[in-house]
Amino acid sequence: MFYMLCAFGIADARSRSDVSSQDVIVTFYRAGFAISAQVLQLKVRANQEIRKPIIEHSARTMALHRR
């Protein structure tokens, strides 16, 4: 999907004289990196939310076994 957007942007930039295709490529790459960074951040946050109860449960279990 990202590469299709790049291709459309490059084709559009080539048809216009006021925008260089390199500018369009840079803009799409920046947008792609921003999106992938947000997705990665969401994955890390979700992973922390999944691990937190597991760690708390294992800590409680260890505390019960120590008694």
N, C-alpha and C. Protein backbone atom coordinates (compact mmCIF):
# COMPACT_ATOMS: atom_id res chain seq x y z
N MET A 1 0.83 -1.19 0.00
CA MET A 1 0.00 0.00 0.00
C MET A 1 0.87 1.25 0.00
N PHE A 2 1.89 1.24 0.85
CA PHE A 2 2.78 2.40 0.95
C PHE A 2 3.49 2.65 -0.38
N TYR A 3 3.94 1.56 -1.01
CA TYR A 3 4.65 1.70 -2.28
C TYR A 3 3.72 2.15 -3.40
N MET A 4 2.45 1.74 -3.32
CA MET A 4 1.48 2.22 -4.31
C MET A 4 1.29 3.72 -4.18
N LEU A 5 1.22 4.21 -2.94
CA LEU A 5 1.10 5.64 -2.73
C LEU A 5 2.31 6.38 -3.27
N CYS A 6 3.49 5.81 -3.07
CA CYS A 6 4.71 6.42 -3.61
C CYS A 6 4.64 6.48 -5.12
N ALA A 7 4.20 5.40 -5.75
CA ALA A 7 4.13 5.36 -7.21
C ALA A 7 3.15 6.40 -7.73
N PHE A 8 1.99 6.51 -7.09
CA PHE A 8 1.02 7.52 -7.51
C PHE A 8 1.56 8.93 -7.31
N GLY A 9 2.24 9.13 -6.19
CA GLY A 9 2.81 10.45 -5.92
C GLY A 9 3.89 10.82 -6.92
N ILE A 10 4.72 9.86 -7.29
CA ILE A 10 5.78 10.13 -8.26
C ILE A 10 5.17 10.42 -9.63
N ALA A 11 4.17 9.64 -10.01
CA ALA A 11 3.51 9.87 -11.30
C ALA A 11 2.86 11.24 -11.33
N ASP A 12 2.23 11.62 -10.22
CA ASP A 12 1.60 12.94 -10.14
C ASP A 12 2.64 14.04 -10.20
N ALA A 13 3.76 13.84 -9.52
CA ALA A 13 4.81 14.86 -9.51
C ALA A 13 5.44 15.03 -10.89
N ARG A 14 5.55 13.94 -11.61
CA ARG A 14 6.13 14.04 -12.96
C ARG A 14 5.20 14.77 -13.91
N SER A 15 3.91 14.68 -13.65
CA SER A 15 2.97 15.38 -14.53
C SER A 15 2.91 16.87 -14.22
N ARG A 16 3.36 17.27 -13.06
CA ARG A 16 3.39 18.70 -12.70
C ARG A 16 4.82 19.20 -12.78
N SER A 17 4.94 20.45 -13.10
CA SER A 17 6.30 20.99 -13.25
C SER A 17 6.79 21.68 -11.98
N ASP A 18 5.88 22.01 -11.06
CA ASP A 18 6.28 22.78 -9.88
C ASP A 18 6.81 21.90 -8.75
N VAL A 19 6.62 20.58 -8.82
CA VAL A 19 7.06 19.68 -7.76
C VAL A 19 8.01 18.66 -8.35
N SER A 20 9.15 18.48 -7.72
CA SER A 20 10.08 17.45 -8.21
C SER A 20 9.68 16.10 -7.64
N SER A 21 9.97 15.04 -8.37
CA SER A 21 9.61 13.70 -7.90
C SER A 21 10.40 13.34 -6.65
N GLN A 22 11.59 13.90 -6.51
CA GLN A 22 12.39 13.62 -5.32
C GLN A 22 11.71 14.18 -4.07
N ASP A 23 11.11 15.36 -4.18
CA ASP A 23 10.38 15.93 -3.04
C ASP A 23 9.23 15.03 -2.63
N VAL A 24 8.54 14.49 -3.61
CA VAL A 24 7.41 13.61 -3.32
C VAL A 24 7.88 12.33 -2.64
N ILE A 25 8.98 11.76 -3.15
CA ILE A 25 9.52 10.54 -2.55
C ILE A 25 9.91 10.79 -1.10
N VAL A 26 10.60 11.89 -0.85
CA VAL A 26 11.03 12.21 0.52
C VAL A 26 9.81 12.38 1.42
N THR A 27 8.78 13.05 0.93
CA THR A 27 7.57 13.26 1.73
C THR A 27 6.91 11.93 2.07
N PHE A 28 6.79 11.04 1.09
CA PHE A 28 6.15 9.75 1.35
C PHE A 28 6.99 8.89 2.29
N TYR A 29 8.31 8.93 2.13
CA TYR A 29 9.16 8.15 3.04
C TYR A 29 9.05 8.67 4.47
N ARG A 30 9.01 9.98 4.62
CA ARG A 30 8.85 10.55 5.97
C ARG A 30 7.53 10.11 6.57
N ALA A 31 6.47 10.15 5.77
CA ALA A 31 5.16 9.71 6.26
C ALA A 31 5.19 8.23 6.62
N GLY A 32 5.84 7.44 5.79
CA GLY A 32 5.94 6.00 6.07
C GLY A 32 6.71 5.71 7.34
N PHE A 33 7.81 6.43 7.54
CA PHE A 33 8.58 6.22 8.77
C PHE A 33 7.79 6.67 9.99
N ALA A 34 7.04 7.75 9.87
CA ALA A 34 6.23 8.22 10.99
C ALA A 34 5.15 7.20 11.34
N ILE A 35 4.52 6.64 10.31
CA ILE A 35 3.48 5.64 10.54
C ILE A 35 4.07 4.38 11.17
N SER A 36 5.22 3.93 10.64
CA SER A 36 5.82 2.71 11.19
C SER A 36 6.30 2.93 12.62
N ALA A 37 6.76 4.14 12.94
CA ALA A 37 7.17 4.43 14.32
C ALA A 37 5.97 4.39 15.26
N GLN A 38 4.83 4.92 14.80
CA GLN A 38 3.63 4.88 15.63
C GLN A 38 3.15 3.45 15.84
N VAL A 39 3.21 2.64 14.79
CA VAL A 39 2.79 1.24 14.91
C VAL A 39 3.70 0.51 15.88
N LEU A 40 5.01 0.76 15.78
CA LEU A 40 5.96 0.13 16.70
C LEU A 40 5.68 0.54 18.14
N GLN A 41 5.39 1.82 18.34
CA GLN A 41 5.08 2.32 19.68
C GLN A 41 3.82 1.64 20.22
N LEU A 42 2.81 1.47 19.37
CA LEU A 42 1.59 0.79 19.81
C LEU A 42 1.86 -0.67 20.16
N LYS A 43 2.73 -1.33 19.38
CA LYS A 43 3.06 -2.72 19.67
C LYS A 43 3.79 -2.84 21.00
N VAL A 44 4.72 -1.93 21.25
CA VAL A 44 5.45 -1.96 22.52
C VAL A 44 4.50 -1.72 23.68
N ARG A 45 3.61 -0.76 23.52
CA ARG A 45 2.64 -0.46 24.59
C ARG A 45 1.72 -1.66 24.84
N ALA A 46 1.27 -2.29 23.77
CA ALA A 46 0.40 -3.47 23.92
C ALA A 46 1.16 -4.61 24.58
N ASN A 47 2.42 -4.78 24.23
CA ASN A 47 3.24 -5.83 24.82
C ASN A 47 3.41 -5.59 26.32
N GLN A 48 3.60 -4.33 26.70
CA GLN A 48 3.74 -4.01 28.13
C GLN A 48 2.43 -4.29 28.87
N GLU A 49 1.31 -3.98 28.23
CA GLU A 49 0.02 -4.23 28.87
C GLU A 49 -0.23 -5.73 29.04
N ILE A 50 0.29 -6.52 28.11
CA ILE A 50 0.12 -7.98 28.22
C ILE A 50 1.04 -8.53 29.30
N ARG A 51 2.27 -8.05 29.35
CA ARG A 51 3.24 -8.58 30.30
C ARG A 51 2.96 -8.17 31.74
N LYS A 52 2.41 -6.99 31.94
CA LYS A 52 2.22 -6.46 33.29
C LYS A 52 1.42 -7.41 34.19
N PRO A 53 0.24 -7.88 33.76
CA PRO A 53 -0.50 -8.82 34.62
C PRO A 53 0.25 -10.13 34.85
N ILE A 54 0.99 -10.59 33.85
CA ILE A 54 1.74 -11.84 34.00
C ILE A 54 2.82 -11.66 35.06
N ILE A 55 3.54 -10.54 35.01
CA ILE A 55 4.60 -10.28 35.99
C ILE A 55 4.00 -10.13 37.39
N GLU A 56 2.87 -9.40 37.48
CA GLU A 56 2.23 -9.22 38.78
C GLU A 56 1.74 -10.56 39.34
N HIS A 57 1.19 -11.39 38.47
CA HIS A 57 0.70 -12.71 38.91
C HIS A 57 1.85 -13.58 39.39
N SER A 58 2.95 -13.58 38.64
CA SER A 58 4.09 -14.41 39.06
C SER A 58 4.71 -13.88 40.35
N ALA A 59 4.70 -12.56 40.54
CA ALA A 59 5.22 -11.99 41.79
C ALA A 59 4.33 -12.40 42.96
N ARG A 60 3.01 -12.38 42.76
CA ARG A 60 2.08 -12.80 43.81
C ARG A 60 2.27 -14.29 44.13
N THR A 61 2.43 -15.08 43.09
CA THR A 61 2.63 -16.52 43.27
C THR A 61 3.91 -16.79 44.05
N MET A 62 4.98 -16.09 43.70
CA MET A 62 6.25 -16.26 44.41
C MET A 62 6.10 -15.85 45.87
N ALA A 63 5.37 -14.78 46.14
CA ALA A 63 5.17 -14.32 47.51
C ALA A 63 4.38 -15.36 48.32
N LEU A 64 3.40 -15.98 47.68
CA LEU A 64 2.62 -17.01 48.38
C LEU A 64 3.47 -18.23 48.69
N HIS A 65 4.34 -18.60 47.79
CA HIS A 65 5.19 -19.77 48.01
C HIS A 65 6.25 -19.52 49.08
N ARG A 66 6.63 -18.28 49.26
CA ARG A 66 7.65 -17.95 50.28
C ARG A 66 7.09 -18.08 51.69
N ARG A 67 5.79 -17.89 51.83
CA ARG A 67 5.17 -17.91 53.17
C ARG A 67 5.18 -19.26 53.74
